[in-house]
Amino acid sequence: MVPAEVVSRKEVLELHHTLVDLLGLMHQPKRDSALLQEAGVPLDRALFPLLVGVDRKGPIGVVDLGEQVGRDYTTVSRQIAKLARLGLIQRRPATSDHRVQEAALTVRGQRMVRAIDAARLRLATVMFAGWSKRDLGDLARLLRRFVDDLGALPASARPSSVADRATRIRPSTSGT
C-alpha cells in the first residue's frame, strides 16, 4: 500500500490527464473505423463497442452493458436488437432472473470478434514495436491493477469512508 505522503497532487493530475487523453483517443470514430476496416468487418461503428462488450462480459443484460459502454439502456436495447437482426448476438432470458434479457454472442458474432482481435493485434504490433517486452508487460499489469482497484472503489466513496483502500491526496510541493 502506498503511504499517504507518497500520493501527490501532481501525479494524480498527471494520471488523470493521461487517462482523459487515452479515452479521447480510444473514442475517436476514425480509430474504430480503421480497426473495423483492418479486420474486414462490415459493422456499423456504433455497434462495435457493444459487440466487443458482449464478448468480454457476456452473457450480459442491457442495463449492465449500457453501464459498461456509457450509453443509456434504451439506446443499447435498440442497438442490441440490430446486432440480433445481423445474427451476431442472441437474446435469451437470464439464468438468475428470467424477466431480464441477456445478450450472448452467436457463432457468427464470435468469428467477427476474433477478426477484430486479430486486427487489433496487428495494429498493436506496429504501435509497440519500440517497446521492450518488460515495459509492455508492466503496462498491462499496472493498468489491470488500476482498473481492478478503481472498480473496487465505490463510485460514491469519500476518502474517509475508504481509508483502508485509498489514501488522501496531499498537495504537491515544488520539485516533487
Protein backbone atom coordinates (compact mmCIF):
# COMPACT_ATOMS: atom_id res chain seq x y z
CA MET A 1 0.00 0.00 0.00
CA VAL A 2 1.26 3.47 -0.86
CA PRO A 3 1.65 5.68 2.22
CA ALA A 4 -0.43 8.89 2.10
CA GLU A 5 2.69 11.03 1.83
CA VAL A 6 3.67 9.29 -1.44
CA VAL A 7 0.45 10.14 -3.31
CA SER A 8 0.90 13.65 -4.64
CA ARG A 9 -1.48 16.01 -6.39
CA LYS A 10 0.95 16.30 -9.30
CA GLU A 11 0.98 12.55 -10.00
CA VAL A 12 -2.77 12.16 -9.63
CA LEU A 13 -3.37 15.07 -12.02
CA GLU A 14 -0.84 13.69 -14.49
CA LEU A 15 -2.55 10.30 -14.36
CA HIS A 16 -5.96 11.91 -14.80
CA HIS A 17 -4.80 13.97 -17.79
CA THR A 18 -3.22 10.87 -19.35
CA LEU A 19 -6.44 8.89 -18.89
CA VAL A 20 -8.51 11.71 -20.41
CA ASP A 21 -6.13 11.72 -23.40
CA LEU A 22 -6.36 7.92 -23.66
CA LEU A 23 -10.15 7.90 -23.56
CA GLY A 24 -10.24 10.68 -26.13
CA LEU A 25 -8.05 8.65 -28.47
CA MET A 26 -9.99 5.45 -27.88
CA HIS A 27 -13.33 7.13 -28.61
CA GLN A 28 -12.28 8.67 -31.90
CA PRO A 29 -14.64 7.35 -34.56
CA LYS A 30 -11.81 7.16 -37.11
CA ARG A 31 -9.88 4.71 -34.88
CA ASP A 32 -12.87 2.37 -34.60
CA SER A 33 -13.42 2.63 -38.35
CA ALA A 34 -9.74 1.86 -39.04
CA LEU A 35 -9.86 -1.19 -36.77
CA LEU A 36 -13.05 -2.47 -38.39
CA GLN A 37 -11.54 -1.92 -41.85
CA GLU A 38 -8.33 -3.73 -40.86
CA ALA A 39 -10.47 -6.61 -39.58
CA GLY A 40 -12.50 -6.70 -42.80
CA VAL A 41 -15.65 -6.43 -40.70
CA PRO A 42 -18.73 -4.75 -42.22
CA LEU A 43 -20.18 -3.44 -38.97
CA ASP A 44 -21.69 -0.09 -38.07
CA ARG A 45 -19.12 1.66 -35.87
CA ALA A 46 -21.78 2.43 -33.23
CA LEU A 47 -22.42 -1.31 -32.77
CA PHE A 48 -18.74 -2.22 -32.43
CA PRO A 49 -18.30 -1.47 -28.68
CA LEU A 50 -21.46 -3.41 -27.87
CA LEU A 51 -20.38 -6.48 -29.81
CA VAL A 52 -16.98 -6.47 -28.09
CA GLY A 53 -18.65 -5.75 -24.72
CA VAL A 54 -20.93 -8.77 -25.08
CA ASP A 55 -17.88 -10.87 -25.93
CA ARG A 56 -15.84 -9.65 -22.95
CA LYS A 57 -18.60 -9.52 -20.32
CA GLY A 58 -21.39 -11.69 -21.68
CA PRO A 59 -23.84 -13.04 -21.35
CA ILE A 60 -24.83 -9.61 -20.12
CA GLY A 61 -28.05 -7.69 -19.57
CA VAL A 62 -28.84 -4.49 -21.44
CA VAL A 63 -28.60 -2.24 -18.36
CA ASP A 64 -25.20 -3.66 -17.37
CA LEU A 65 -23.93 -3.39 -20.94
CA GLY A 66 -25.13 0.22 -21.09
CA GLU A 67 -23.14 0.99 -17.96
CA GLN A 68 -20.07 -0.69 -19.47
CA VAL A 69 -20.17 1.40 -22.65
CA GLY A 70 -21.55 4.61 -21.16
CA ARG A 71 -24.87 4.59 -23.02
CA ASP A 72 -28.49 4.72 -21.95
CA TYR A 73 -30.12 1.30 -21.73
CA THR A 74 -32.85 2.28 -24.21
CA THR A 75 -30.19 3.11 -26.82
CA VAL A 76 -28.32 -0.10 -26.03
CA SER A 77 -31.55 -2.11 -26.31
CA ARG A 78 -32.15 -0.77 -29.85
CA GLN A 79 -28.54 -1.45 -30.83
CA ILE A 80 -28.65 -4.97 -29.38
CA ALA A 81 -31.76 -5.59 -31.47
CA LYS A 82 -29.75 -4.55 -34.57
CA LEU A 83 -26.93 -6.94 -33.61
CA ALA A 84 -29.52 -9.71 -33.19
CA ARG A 85 -31.01 -8.98 -36.63
CA LEU A 86 -27.47 -9.26 -38.05
CA GLY A 87 -27.14 -12.68 -36.43
CA LEU A 88 -24.23 -11.58 -34.22
CA ILE A 89 -25.89 -11.91 -30.82
CA GLN A 90 -28.81 -13.78 -29.37
CA ARG A 91 -31.12 -12.57 -26.66
CA ARG A 92 -32.19 -15.02 -24.01
CA PRO A 93 -33.64 -14.96 -20.50
CA ALA A 94 -31.00 -14.52 -17.80
CA THR A 95 -30.33 -17.61 -15.72
CA SER A 96 -30.62 -15.61 -12.49
CA ASP A 97 -33.83 -13.76 -13.40
CA HIS A 98 -35.94 -14.86 -16.36
CA ARG A 99 -37.54 -11.41 -16.58
CA VAL A 100 -34.16 -10.00 -17.65
CA GLN A 101 -32.95 -10.49 -21.20
CA GLU A 102 -29.24 -11.18 -21.67
CA ALA A 103 -27.19 -10.80 -24.81
CA ALA A 104 -24.73 -13.51 -25.82
CA LEU A 105 -22.61 -13.90 -28.94
CA THR A 106 -23.63 -16.28 -31.68
CA VAL A 107 -21.01 -18.29 -33.55
CA ARG A 108 -21.07 -15.62 -36.26
CA GLY A 109 -20.56 -12.91 -33.62
CA GLN A 110 -17.66 -14.86 -32.13
CA ARG A 111 -15.99 -15.09 -35.56
CA MET A 112 -16.40 -11.34 -36.04
CA VAL A 113 -14.88 -10.55 -32.63
CA ARG A 114 -11.93 -12.88 -33.38
CA ALA A 115 -11.32 -10.98 -36.64
CA ILE A 116 -11.39 -7.70 -34.68
CA ASP A 117 -9.00 -9.13 -32.08
CA ALA A 118 -6.60 -10.27 -34.82
CA ALA A 119 -6.69 -6.81 -36.41
CA ARG A 120 -6.08 -5.20 -33.01
CA LEU A 121 -3.03 -7.44 -32.55
CA ARG A 122 -1.65 -6.45 -35.98
CA LEU A 123 -2.08 -2.74 -35.17
CA ALA A 124 -0.66 -3.13 -31.66
CA THR A 125 2.38 -4.95 -33.02
CA VAL A 126 3.23 -1.86 -35.06
CA MET A 127 2.49 0.52 -32.18
CA PHE A 128 4.55 -1.41 -29.61
CA ALA A 129 7.45 -2.23 -31.94
CA GLY A 130 9.79 0.07 -29.97
CA TRP A 131 8.73 -1.21 -26.55
CA SER A 132 10.57 -3.83 -24.56
CA LYS A 133 8.69 -6.96 -23.54
CA ARG A 134 9.15 -5.91 -19.92
CA ASP A 135 7.72 -2.41 -20.48
CA LEU A 136 4.69 -3.84 -22.27
CA GLY A 137 4.18 -6.40 -19.51
CA ASP A 138 4.50 -3.70 -16.84
CA LEU A 139 1.95 -1.52 -18.65
CA ALA A 140 -0.54 -4.39 -18.89
CA ARG A 141 -0.03 -5.42 -15.27
CA LEU A 142 -0.30 -1.89 -13.85
CA LEU A 143 -3.32 -0.97 -15.97
CA ARG A 144 -5.08 -4.16 -14.81
CA ARG A 145 -4.25 -3.30 -11.20
CA PHE A 146 -5.51 0.27 -11.67
CA VAL A 147 -8.78 -0.89 -13.25
CA ASP A 148 -9.32 -3.52 -10.56
CA ASP A 149 -8.67 -1.04 -7.74
CA LEU A 150 -10.86 1.61 -9.35
CA GLY A 151 -13.64 -0.94 -9.84
CA ALA A 152 -13.41 -1.99 -6.20
CA LEU A 153 -13.80 1.59 -5.02
CA PRO A 154 -17.48 2.54 -4.68
CA ALA A 155 -18.38 5.39 -7.05
CA SER A 156 -19.81 7.39 -4.16
CA ALA A 157 -16.83 6.74 -1.88
CA ARG A 158 -15.22 9.57 0.02
CA PRO A 159 -11.63 9.31 1.29
CA SER A 160 -12.77 9.00 4.90
CA SER A 161 -15.06 6.08 4.04
CA VAL A 162 -12.41 4.06 2.21
CA ALA A 163 -9.34 4.70 4.33
CA ASP A 164 -8.31 1.06 4.00
CA ARG A 165 -8.45 1.21 0.15
CA ALA A 166 -7.17 4.67 -0.69
CA THR A 167 -5.11 7.46 0.73
CA ARG A 168 -5.77 11.14 0.94
CA ILE A 169 -4.00 13.20 -1.67
CA ARG A 170 -1.51 15.72 -0.41
CA PRO A 171 -0.70 18.87 -2.39
CA SER A 172 2.41 18.62 -4.49
CA THR A 173 5.43 20.55 -3.34
CA SER A 174 7.77 22.14 -5.82
CA GLY A 175 10.37 19.74 -7.07
CA THR A 176 8.31 16.60 -6.40
